[in-house]
Each structure stands twice: as C-alpha cells, then as structure tokens.
Amino acid sequence: VELPGLQEPAEAAKVLGRTAQLTFHPVLGDGPAAGPGAD
C-alpha cells in the first residue's frame, strides 16, 4: 500500500491494521461478564 503525502504512519496503521471481522453486538450491561459467585 502506497500513500503519497501521508507522513504519519500511525494514521495508516490505525486503519490498515484492523484485521478481525467487523461485527455488531447487543450490549448486555456494564461491568464484568460474571462476578464472584455468578453464573
């Protein structure tokens, strides 16, 4: 990938380095998935 004029490689790596699948999830709540003693 050649990006003329782009002087900050961090900007390119931020976009190009995203490697996993894009997914959309329902949010179940705040906090840890399961606390002490939880299911």
PDB file of all heavy atoms in Angstrom:
ATOM      1  N   VAL A   1       0.858  -1.182   0.000  1.00  0.00           N
ATOM      2  CA  VAL A   1       0.000   0.000   0.000  1.00  0.00           C
ATOM      3  C   VAL A   1       0.895   1.234   0.000  1.00  0.00           C
ATOM      4  O   VAL A   1       1.750   1.384   0.879  1.00  0.00           O
ATOM      5  CB  VAL A   1      -0.929   0.026   1.235  1.00  0.00           C
ATOM      6  CG1 VAL A   1      -1.835   1.252   1.192  1.00  0.00           C
ATOM      7  CG2 VAL A   1      -1.755  -1.250   1.311  1.00  0.00           C
ATOM      8  N   GLU A   2       0.718   2.114  -0.991  1.00  0.00           N
ATOM      9  CA  GLU A   2       1.478   3.353  -1.073  1.00  0.00           C
ATOM     10  C   GLU A   2       0.516   4.522  -0.894  1.00  0.00           C
ATOM     11  O   GLU A   2      -0.492   4.638  -1.594  1.00  0.00           O
ATOM     12  CB  GLU A   2       2.204   3.462  -2.413  1.00  0.00           C
ATOM     13  CG  GLU A   2       3.316   2.435  -2.573  1.00  0.00           C
ATOM     14  CD  GLU A   2       4.144   2.662  -3.828  1.00  0.00           C
ATOM     15  OE1 GLU A   2       3.707   3.470  -4.682  1.00  0.00           O
ATOM     16  OE2 GLU A   2       5.216   2.049  -3.945  1.00  0.00           O
ATOM     17  N   LEU A   3       0.872   5.406   0.031  1.00  0.00           N
ATOM     18  CA  LEU A   3       0.013   6.530   0.387  1.00  0.00           C
ATOM     19  C   LEU A   3       0.803   7.823   0.238  1.00  0.00           C
ATOM     20  O   LEU A   3       1.431   8.293   1.197  1.00  0.00           O
ATOM     21  CB  LEU A   3      -0.491   6.362   1.830  1.00  0.00           C
ATOM     22  CG  LEU A   3      -1.190   5.028   2.143  1.00  0.00           C
ATOM     23  CD1 LEU A   3      -1.419   4.876   3.629  1.00  0.00           C
ATOM     24  CD2 LEU A   3      -2.499   4.926   1.383  1.00  0.00           C
ATOM     25  N   PRO A   4       0.817   8.421  -0.949  1.00  0.00           N
ATOM     26  CA  PRO A   4       1.586   9.655  -1.172  1.00  0.00           C
ATOM     27  C   PRO A   4       1.095  10.774  -0.251  1.00  0.00           C
ATOM     28  O   PRO A   4      -0.111  10.971  -0.072  1.00  0.00           O
ATOM     29  CB  PRO A   4       1.315   9.989  -2.643  1.00  0.00           C
ATOM     30  CG  PRO A   4       0.858   8.711  -3.255  1.00  0.00           C
ATOM     31  CD  PRO A   4       0.137   7.971  -2.176  1.00  0.00           C
ATOM     32  N   GLY A   5       2.058  11.492   0.310  1.00  0.00           N
ATOM     33  CA  GLY A   5       1.727  12.658   1.123  1.00  0.00           C
ATOM     34  C   GLY A   5       1.391  12.348   2.565  1.00  0.00           C
ATOM     35  O   GLY A   5       1.366  13.257   3.398  1.00  0.00           O
ATOM     36  N   LEU A   6       1.112  11.088   2.904  1.00  0.00           N
ATOM     37  CA  LEU A   6       0.776  10.740   4.281  1.00  0.00           C
ATOM     38  C   LEU A   6       2.060  10.577   5.087  1.00  0.00           C
ATOM     39  O   LEU A   6       2.845   9.666   4.835  1.00  0.00           O
ATOM     40  CB  LEU A   6      -0.040   9.444   4.316  1.00  0.00           C
ATOM     41  CG  LEU A   6      -0.561   9.021   5.695  1.00  0.00           C
ATOM     42  CD1 LEU A   6      -1.582  10.014   6.202  1.00  0.00           C
ATOM     43  CD2 LEU A   6      -1.173   7.627   5.636  1.00  0.00           C
ATOM     44  N   GLN A   7       2.284  11.466   6.050  1.00  0.00           N
ATOM     45  CA  GLN A   7       3.552  11.474   6.785  1.00  0.00           C
ATOM     46  C   GLN A   7       3.457  10.793   8.154  1.00  0.00           C
ATOM     47  O   GLN A   7       4.471  10.619   8.808  1.00  0.00           O
ATOM     48  CB  GLN A   7       4.025  12.928   6.979  1.00  0.00           C
ATOM     49  CG  GLN A   7       4.224  13.684   5.673  1.00  0.00           C
ATOM     50  CD  GLN A   7       5.216  12.997   4.757  1.00  0.00           C
ATOM     51  OE1 GLN A   7       6.278  12.563   5.197  1.00  0.00           O
ATOM     52  NE2 GLN A   7       4.872  12.880   3.491  1.00  0.00           N
ATOM     53  N   GLU A   8       2.232  10.469   8.606  1.00  0.00           N
ATOM     54  CA  GLU A   8       2.076   9.822   9.896  1.00  0.00           C
ATOM     55  C   GLU A   8       1.687   8.362   9.696  1.00  0.00           C
ATOM     56  O   GLU A   8       0.530   8.045   9.416  1.00  0.00           O
ATOM     57  CB  GLU A   8       1.018  10.548  10.729  1.00  0.00           C
ATOM     58  CG  GLU A   8       1.504  11.861  11.324  1.00  0.00           C
ATOM     59  CD  GLU A   8       2.680  11.662  12.276  1.00  0.00           C
ATOM     60  OE1 GLU A   8       2.785  10.589  12.888  1.00  0.00           O
ATOM     61  OE2 GLU A   8       3.487  12.590  12.390  1.00  0.00           O
ATOM     62  N   PRO A   9       2.645   7.448   9.803  1.00  0.00           N
ATOM     63  CA  PRO A   9       2.323   6.022   9.599  1.00  0.00           C
ATOM     64  C   PRO A   9       1.315   5.498  10.602  1.00  0.00           C
ATOM     65  O   PRO A   9       0.615   4.531  10.331  1.00  0.00           O
ATOM     66  CB  PRO A   9       3.679   5.335   9.745  1.00  0.00           C
ATOM     67  CG  PRO A   9       4.526   6.287  10.524  1.00  0.00           C
ATOM     68  CD  PRO A   9       4.060   7.659  10.147  1.00  0.00           C
ATOM     69  N   ALA A  10       1.220   6.141  11.778  1.00  0.00           N
ATOM     70  CA  ALA A  10       0.259   5.693  12.779  1.00  0.00           C
ATOM     71  C   ALA A  10      -1.156   5.796  12.251  1.00  0.00           C
ATOM     72  O   ALA A  10      -2.019   4.968  12.555  1.00  0.00           O
ATOM     73  CB  ALA A  10       0.411   6.520  14.053  1.00  0.00           C
ATOM     74  N   GLU A  11      -1.411   6.828  11.450  1.00  0.00           N
ATOM     75  CA  GLU A  11      -2.747   7.014  10.881  1.00  0.00           C
ATOM     76  C   GLU A  11      -3.087   5.881   9.925  1.00  0.00           C
ATOM     77  O   GLU A  11      -4.208   5.370   9.920  1.00  0.00           O
ATOM     78  CB  GLU A  11      -2.807   8.366  10.159  1.00  0.00           C
ATOM     79  CG  GLU A  11      -4.174   8.706   9.609  1.00  0.00           C
ATOM     80  CD  GLU A  11      -4.199  10.063   8.948  1.00  0.00           C
ATOM     81  OE1 GLU A  11      -3.220  10.829   9.083  1.00  0.00           O
ATOM     82  OE2 GLU A  11      -5.209  10.362   8.279  1.00  0.00           O
ATOM     83  N   ALA A  12      -2.106   5.489   9.102  1.00  0.00           N
ATOM     84  CA  ALA A  12      -2.350   4.381   8.175  1.00  0.00           C
ATOM     85  C   ALA A  12      -2.490   3.062   8.922  1.00  0.00           C
ATOM     86  O   ALA A  12      -3.377   2.252   8.629  1.00  0.00           O
ATOM     87  CB  ALA A  12      -1.217   4.297   7.159  1.00  0.00           C
ATOM     88  N   ALA A  13      -1.602   2.827   9.898  1.00  0.00           N
ATOM     89  CA  ALA A  13      -1.637   1.567  10.642  1.00  0.00           C
ATOM     90  C   ALA A  13      -2.928   1.420  11.430  1.00  0.00           C
ATOM     91  O   ALA A  13      -3.448   0.317  11.612  1.00  0.00           O
ATOM     92  CB  ALA A  13      -0.436   1.488  11.586  1.00  0.00           C
ATOM     93  N   LYS A  14      -3.485   2.551  11.876  1.00  0.00           N
ATOM     94  CA  LYS A  14      -4.725   2.518  12.655  1.00  0.00           C
ATOM     95  C   LYS A  14      -5.874   1.948  11.840  1.00  0.00           C
ATOM     96  O   LYS A  14      -6.739   1.244  12.355  1.00  0.00           O
ATOM     97  CB  LYS A  14      -5.057   3.937  13.124  1.00  0.00           C
ATOM     98  CG  LYS A  14      -6.289   4.033  14.008  1.00  0.00           C
ATOM     99  CD  LYS A  14      -6.509   5.467  14.432  1.00  0.00           C
ATOM    100  CE  LYS A  14      -7.763   5.593  15.304  1.00  0.00           C
ATOM    101  NZ  LYS A  14      -8.007   7.000  15.702  1.00  0.00           N
ATOM    102  N   VAL A  15      -5.864   2.274  10.539  1.00  0.00           N
ATOM    103  CA  VAL A  15      -6.934   1.804   9.663  1.00  0.00           C
ATOM    104  C   VAL A  15      -6.593   0.453   9.047  1.00  0.00           C
ATOM    105  O   VAL A  15      -7.398  -0.475   9.050  1.00  0.00           O
ATOM    106  CB  VAL A  15      -7.216   2.842   8.559  1.00  0.00           C
ATOM    107  CG1 VAL A  15      -8.253   2.313   7.583  1.00  0.00           C
ATOM    108  CG2 VAL A  15      -7.696   4.135   9.189  1.00  0.00           C
ATOM    109  N   LEU A  16      -5.363   0.311   8.510  1.00  0.00           N
ATOM    110  CA  LEU A  16      -4.997  -0.907   7.800  1.00  0.00           C
ATOM    111  C   LEU A  16      -4.759  -2.078   8.732  1.00  0.00           C
ATOM    112  O   LEU A  16      -4.920  -3.231   8.353  1.00  0.00           O
ATOM    113  CB  LEU A  16      -3.739  -0.662   6.960  1.00  0.00           C
ATOM    114  CG  LEU A  16      -3.847   0.402   5.865  1.00  0.00           C
ATOM    115  CD1 LEU A  16      -2.505   0.574   5.180  1.00  0.00           C
ATOM    116  CD2 LEU A  16      -4.916   0.020   4.858  1.00  0.00           C
ATOM    117  N   GLY A  17      -4.354  -1.787   9.964  1.00  0.00           N
ATOM    118  CA  GLY A  17      -4.001  -2.857  10.884  1.00  0.00           C
ATOM    119  C   GLY A  17      -5.180  -3.550  11.513  1.00  0.00           C
ATOM    120  O   GLY A  17      -5.019  -4.538  12.222  1.00  0.00           O
ATOM    121  N   ARG A  18      -6.392  -3.015  11.300  1.00  0.00           N
ATOM    122  CA  ARG A  18      -7.574  -3.679  11.847  1.00  0.00           C
ATOM    123  C   ARG A  18      -7.827  -4.950  11.040  1.00  0.00           C
ATOM    124  O   ARG A  18      -8.183  -4.894   9.881  1.00  0.00           O
ATOM    125  CB  ARG A  18      -8.790  -2.765  11.747  1.00  0.00           C
ATOM    126  CG  ARG A  18      -8.582  -1.391  12.343  1.00  0.00           C
ATOM    127  CD  ARG A  18      -8.711  -1.425  13.853  1.00  0.00           C
ATOM    128  NE  ARG A  18      -8.596  -0.093  14.424  1.00  0.00           N
ATOM    129  CZ  ARG A  18      -9.060   0.241  15.606  1.00  0.00           C
ATOM    130  NH1 ARG A  18      -9.674  -0.661  16.348  1.00  0.00           N
ATOM    131  NH2 ARG A  18      -8.912   1.458  16.075  1.00  0.00           N
ATOM    132  N   THR A  19      -7.653  -6.080  11.688  1.00  0.00           N
ATOM    133  CA  THR A  19      -7.631  -7.315  10.905  1.00  0.00           C
ATOM    134  C   THR A  19      -8.845  -8.216  11.108  1.00  0.00           C
ATOM    135  O   THR A  19      -9.131  -9.047  10.280  1.00  0.00           O
ATOM    136  CB  THR A  19      -6.373  -8.127  11.262  1.00  0.00           C
ATOM    137  OG1 THR A  19      -6.433  -8.455  12.648  1.00  0.00           O
ATOM    138  CG2 THR A  19      -5.122  -7.335  10.983  1.00  0.00           C
ATOM    139  N   ALA A  20      -9.560  -8.084  12.246  1.00  0.00           N
ATOM    140  CA  ALA A  20     -10.624  -9.049  12.517  1.00  0.00           C
ATOM    141  C   ALA A  20     -11.921  -8.649  11.814  1.00  0.00           C
ATOM    142  O   ALA A  20     -12.031  -7.584  11.236  1.00  0.00           O
ATOM    143  CB  ALA A  20     -10.858  -9.170  14.021  1.00  0.00           C
ATOM    144  N   GLN A  21     -12.913  -9.523  11.933  1.00  0.00           N
ATOM    145  CA  GLN A  21     -14.194  -9.281  11.281  1.00  0.00           C
ATOM    146  C   GLN A  21     -14.967  -8.182  12.002  1.00  0.00           C
ATOM    147  O   GLN A  21     -14.966  -8.085  13.219  1.00  0.00           O
ATOM    148  CB  GLN A  21     -15.013 -10.566  11.268  1.00  0.00           C
ATOM    149  CG  GLN A  21     -16.271 -10.465  10.437  1.00  0.00           C
ATOM    150  CD  GLN A  21     -17.021 -11.768  10.407  1.00  0.00           C
ATOM    151  OE1 GLN A  21     -17.078 -12.464  11.414  1.00  0.00           O
ATOM    152  NE2 GLN A  21     -17.586 -12.094   9.269  1.00  0.00           N
ATOM    153  N   LEU A  22     -15.625  -7.356  11.200  1.00  0.00           N
ATOM    154  CA  LEU A  22     -16.489  -6.304  11.736  1.00  0.00           C
ATOM    155  C   LEU A  22     -17.808  -6.950  12.170  1.00  0.00           C
ATOM    156  O   LEU A  22     -18.467  -7.624  11.381  1.00  0.00           O
ATOM    157  CB  LEU A  22     -16.736  -5.243  10.663  1.00  0.00           C
ATOM    158  CG  LEU A  22     -17.661  -4.077  11.043  1.00  0.00           C
ATOM    159  CD1 LEU A  22     -16.955  -3.154  12.025  1.00  0.00           C
ATOM    160  CD2 LEU A  22     -18.077  -3.301   9.796  1.00  0.00           C
ATOM    161  N   THR A  23     -18.200  -6.723  13.433  1.00  0.00           N
ATOM    162  CA  THR A  23     -19.428  -7.335  13.955  1.00  0.00           C
ATOM    163  C   THR A  23     -20.215  -6.321  14.783  1.00  0.00           C
ATOM    164  O   THR A  23     -19.652  -5.366  15.327  1.00  0.00           O
ATOM    165  CB  THR A  23     -19.104  -8.566  14.829  1.00  0.00           C
ATOM    166  OG1 THR A  23     -18.112  -8.200  15.800  1.00  0.00           O
ATOM    167  CG2 THR A  23     -18.581  -9.710  13.976  1.00  0.00           C
ATOM    168  N   PHE A  24     -21.538  -6.557  14.880  1.00  0.00           N
ATOM    169  CA  PHE A  24     -22.437  -5.707  15.650  1.00  0.00           C
ATOM    170  C   PHE A  24     -23.081  -6.574  16.730  1.00  0.00           C
ATOM    171  O   PHE A  24     -23.642  -7.649  16.436  1.00  0.00           O
ATOM    172  CB  PHE A  24     -23.517  -5.110  14.745  1.00  0.00           C
ATOM    173  CG  PHE A  24     -22.978  -4.191  13.674  1.00  0.00           C
ATOM    174  CD1 PHE A  24     -22.336  -4.700  12.550  1.00  0.00           C
ATOM    175  CD2 PHE A  24     -23.117  -2.814  13.779  1.00  0.00           C
ATOM    176  CE1 PHE A  24     -21.843  -3.868  11.558  1.00  0.00           C
ATOM    177  CE2 PHE A  24     -22.635  -1.961  12.796  1.00  0.00           C
ATOM    178  CZ  PHE A  24     -21.998  -2.486  11.686  1.00  0.00           C
ATOM    179  N   HIS A  25     -23.025  -6.101  17.987  1.00  0.00           N
ATOM    180  CA  HIS A  25     -23.462  -6.912  19.128  1.00  0.00           C
ATOM    181  C   HIS A  25     -24.472  -6.148  19.987  1.00  0.00           C
ATOM    182  O   HIS A  25     -24.344  -4.926  20.152  1.00  0.00           O
ATOM    183  CB  HIS A  25     -22.282  -7.299  20.021  1.00  0.00           C
ATOM    184  CG  HIS A  25     -21.198  -8.036  19.321  1.00  0.00           C
ATOM    185  ND1 HIS A  25     -20.973  -9.386  19.496  1.00  0.00           N
ATOM    186  CD2 HIS A  25     -20.248  -7.621  18.448  1.00  0.00           C
ATOM    187  CE1 HIS A  25     -19.931  -9.759  18.758  1.00  0.00           C
ATOM    188  NE2 HIS A  25     -19.473  -8.700  18.109  1.00  0.00           N
ATOM    189  N   PRO A  26     -25.390  -6.879  20.607  1.00  0.00           N
ATOM    190  CA  PRO A  26     -26.218  -6.245  21.650  1.00  0.00           C
ATOM    191  C   PRO A  26     -25.394  -6.064  22.913  1.00  0.00           C
ATOM    192  O   PRO A  26     -24.557  -6.910  23.240  1.00  0.00           O
ATOM    193  CB  PRO A  26     -27.345  -7.257  21.861  1.00  0.00           C
ATOM    194  CG  PRO A  26     -26.743  -8.577  21.490  1.00  0.00           C
ATOM    195  CD  PRO A  26     -25.783  -8.281  20.361  1.00  0.00           C
ATOM    196  N   VAL A  27     -25.581  -4.953  23.610  1.00  0.00           N
ATOM    197  CA  VAL A  27     -24.890  -4.714  24.879  1.00  0.00           C
ATOM    198  C   VAL A  27     -25.760  -5.266  25.998  1.00  0.00           C
ATOM    199  O   VAL A  27     -26.952  -4.936  26.104  1.00  0.00           O
ATOM    200  CB  VAL A  27     -24.625  -3.206  25.086  1.00  0.00           C
ATOM    201  CG1 VAL A  27     -24.008  -2.969  26.462  1.00  0.00           C
ATOM    202  CG2 VAL A  27     -23.700  -2.688  23.999  1.00  0.00           C
ATOM    203  N   LEU A  28     -25.151  -6.105  26.842  1.00  0.00           N
ATOM    204  CA  LEU A  28     -25.889  -6.776  27.904  1.00  0.00           C
ATOM    205  C   LEU A  28     -25.818  -6.024  29.220  1.00  0.00           C
ATOM    206  O   LEU A  28     -26.582  -6.314  30.140  1.00  0.00           O
ATOM    207  CB  LEU A  28     -25.366  -8.202  28.094  1.00  0.00           C
ATOM    208  CG  LEU A  28     -25.377  -9.078  26.830  1.00  0.00           C
ATOM    209  CD1 LEU A  28     -24.816 -10.451  27.137  1.00  0.00           C
ATOM    210  CD2 LEU A  28     -26.788  -9.187  26.267  1.00  0.00           C
ATOM    211  N   GLY A  29     -24.875  -5.104  29.345  1.00  0.00           N
ATOM    212  CA  GLY A  29     -24.778  -4.330  30.570  1.00  0.00           C
ATOM    213  C   GLY A  29     -23.364  -3.875  30.826  1.00  0.00           C
ATOM    214  O   GLY A  29     -22.437  -4.143  30.051  1.00  0.00           O
ATOM    215  N   ASP A  30     -23.201  -3.144  31.958  1.00  0.00           N
ATOM    216  CA  ASP A  30     -21.870  -2.688  32.359  1.00  0.00           C
ATOM    217  C   ASP A  30     -21.207  -3.759  33.208  1.00  0.00           C
ATOM    218  O   ASP A  30     -21.839  -4.702  33.676  1.00  0.00           O
ATOM    219  CB  ASP A  30     -21.974  -1.400  33.175  1.00  0.00           C
ATOM    220  CG  ASP A  30     -22.486  -0.237  32.332  1.00  0.00           C
ATOM    221  OD1 ASP A  30     -22.234  -0.249  31.108  1.00  0.00           O
ATOM    222  OD2 ASP A  30     -23.129   0.668  32.891  1.00  0.00           O
ATOM    223  N   GLY A  31     -19.917  -3.556  33.479  1.00  0.00           N
ATOM    224  CA  GLY A  31     -19.214  -4.391  34.425  1.00  0.00           C
ATOM    225  C   GLY A  31     -18.774  -5.714  33.848  1.00  0.00           C
ATOM    226  O   GLY A  31     -18.966  -5.994  32.668  1.00  0.00           O
ATOM    227  N   PRO A  32     -18.147  -6.581  34.689  1.00  0.00           N
ATOM    228  CA  PRO A  32     -17.610  -7.860  34.212  1.00  0.00           C
ATOM    229  C   PRO A  32     -18.709  -8.805  33.758  1.00  0.00           C
ATOM    230  O   PRO A  32     -19.861  -8.690  34.162  1.00  0.00           O
ATOM    231  CB  PRO A  32     -16.868  -8.410  35.441  1.00  0.00           C
ATOM    232  CG  PRO A  32     -17.517  -7.740  36.608  1.00  0.00           C
ATOM    233  CD  PRO A  32     -17.948  -6.379  36.141  1.00  0.00           C
ATOM    234  N   ALA A  33     -18.322  -9.715  32.904  1.00  0.00           N
ATOM    235  CA  ALA A  33     -19.289 -10.672  32.364  1.00  0.00           C
ATOM    236  C   ALA A  33     -19.847 -11.576  33.449  1.00  0.00           C
ATOM    237  O   ALA A  33     -21.010 -11.970  33.410  1.00  0.00           O
ATOM    238  CB  ALA A  33     -18.638 -11.502  31.263  1.00  0.00           C
ATOM    239  N   ALA A  34     -19.059 -11.920  34.429  1.00  0.00           N
ATOM    240  CA  ALA A  34     -19.539 -12.773  35.524  1.00  0.00           C
ATOM    241  C   ALA A  34     -18.718 -12.501  36.759  1.00  0.00           C
ATOM    242  O   ALA A  34     -17.516 -12.718  36.758  1.00  0.00           O
ATOM    243  CB  ALA A  34     -19.472 -14.247  35.132  1.00  0.00           C
ATOM    244  N   GLY A  35     -19.336 -12.001  37.819  1.00  0.00           N
ATOM    245  CA  GLY A  35     -18.617 -11.683  39.042  1.00  0.00           C
ATOM    246  C   GLY A  35     -18.442 -12.904  39.908  1.00  0.00           C
ATOM    247  O   GLY A  35     -18.853 -14.008  39.568  1.00  0.00           O
ATOM    248  N   PRO A  36     -17.838 -12.723  41.119  1.00  0.00           N
ATOM    249  CA  PRO A  36     -17.635 -13.851  42.027  1.00  0.00           C
ATOM    250  C   PRO A  36     -18.972 -14.489  42.409  1.00  0.00           C
ATOM    251  O   PRO A  36     -19.917 -13.814  42.788  1.00  0.00           O
ATOM    252  CB  PRO A  36     -16.955 -13.201  43.235  1.00  0.00           C
ATOM    253  CG  PRO A  36     -16.363 -11.922  42.703  1.00  0.00           C
ATOM    254  CD  PRO A  36     -17.277 -11.476  41.626  1.00  0.00           C
ATOM    255  N   GLY A  37     -19.040 -15.745  42.235  1.00  0.00           N
ATOM    256  CA  GLY A  37     -20.242 -16.470  42.599  1.00  0.00           C
ATOM    257  C   GLY A  37     -21.347 -16.400  41.575  1.00  0.00           C
ATOM    258  O   GLY A  37     -22.406 -16.984  41.774  1.00  0.00           O
ATOM    259  N   ALA A  38     -21.132 -15.671  40.483  1.00  0.00           N
ATOM    260  CA  ALA A  38     -22.185 -15.535  39.471  1.00  0.00           C
ATOM    261  C   ALA A  38     -22.191 -16.760  38.578  1.00  0.00           C
ATOM    262  O   ALA A  38     -21.256 -17.560  38.547  1.00  0.00           O
ATOM    263  CB  ALA A  38     -21.958 -14.273  38.646  1.00  0.00           C
ATOM    264  N   ASP A  39     -23.267 -16.864  37.817  1.00  0.00           N
ATOM    265  CA  ASP A  39     -23.347 -17.972  36.870  1.00  0.00           C
ATOM    266  C   ASP A  39     -22.343 -17.772  35.751  1.00  0.00           C
ATOM    267  O   ASP A  39     -21.865 -16.674  35.501  1.00  0.00           O
ATOM    268  CB  ASP A  39     -24.763 -18.043  36.280  1.00  0.00           C
ATOM    269  CG  ASP A  39     -25.784 -18.420  37.343  1.00  0.00           C
ATOM    270  OD1 ASP A  39     -25.386 -19.063  38.329  1.00  0.00           O
ATOM    271  OD2 ASP A  39     -26.956 -18.025  37.166  1.00  0.00           O
TER     272      ASP A  39
END
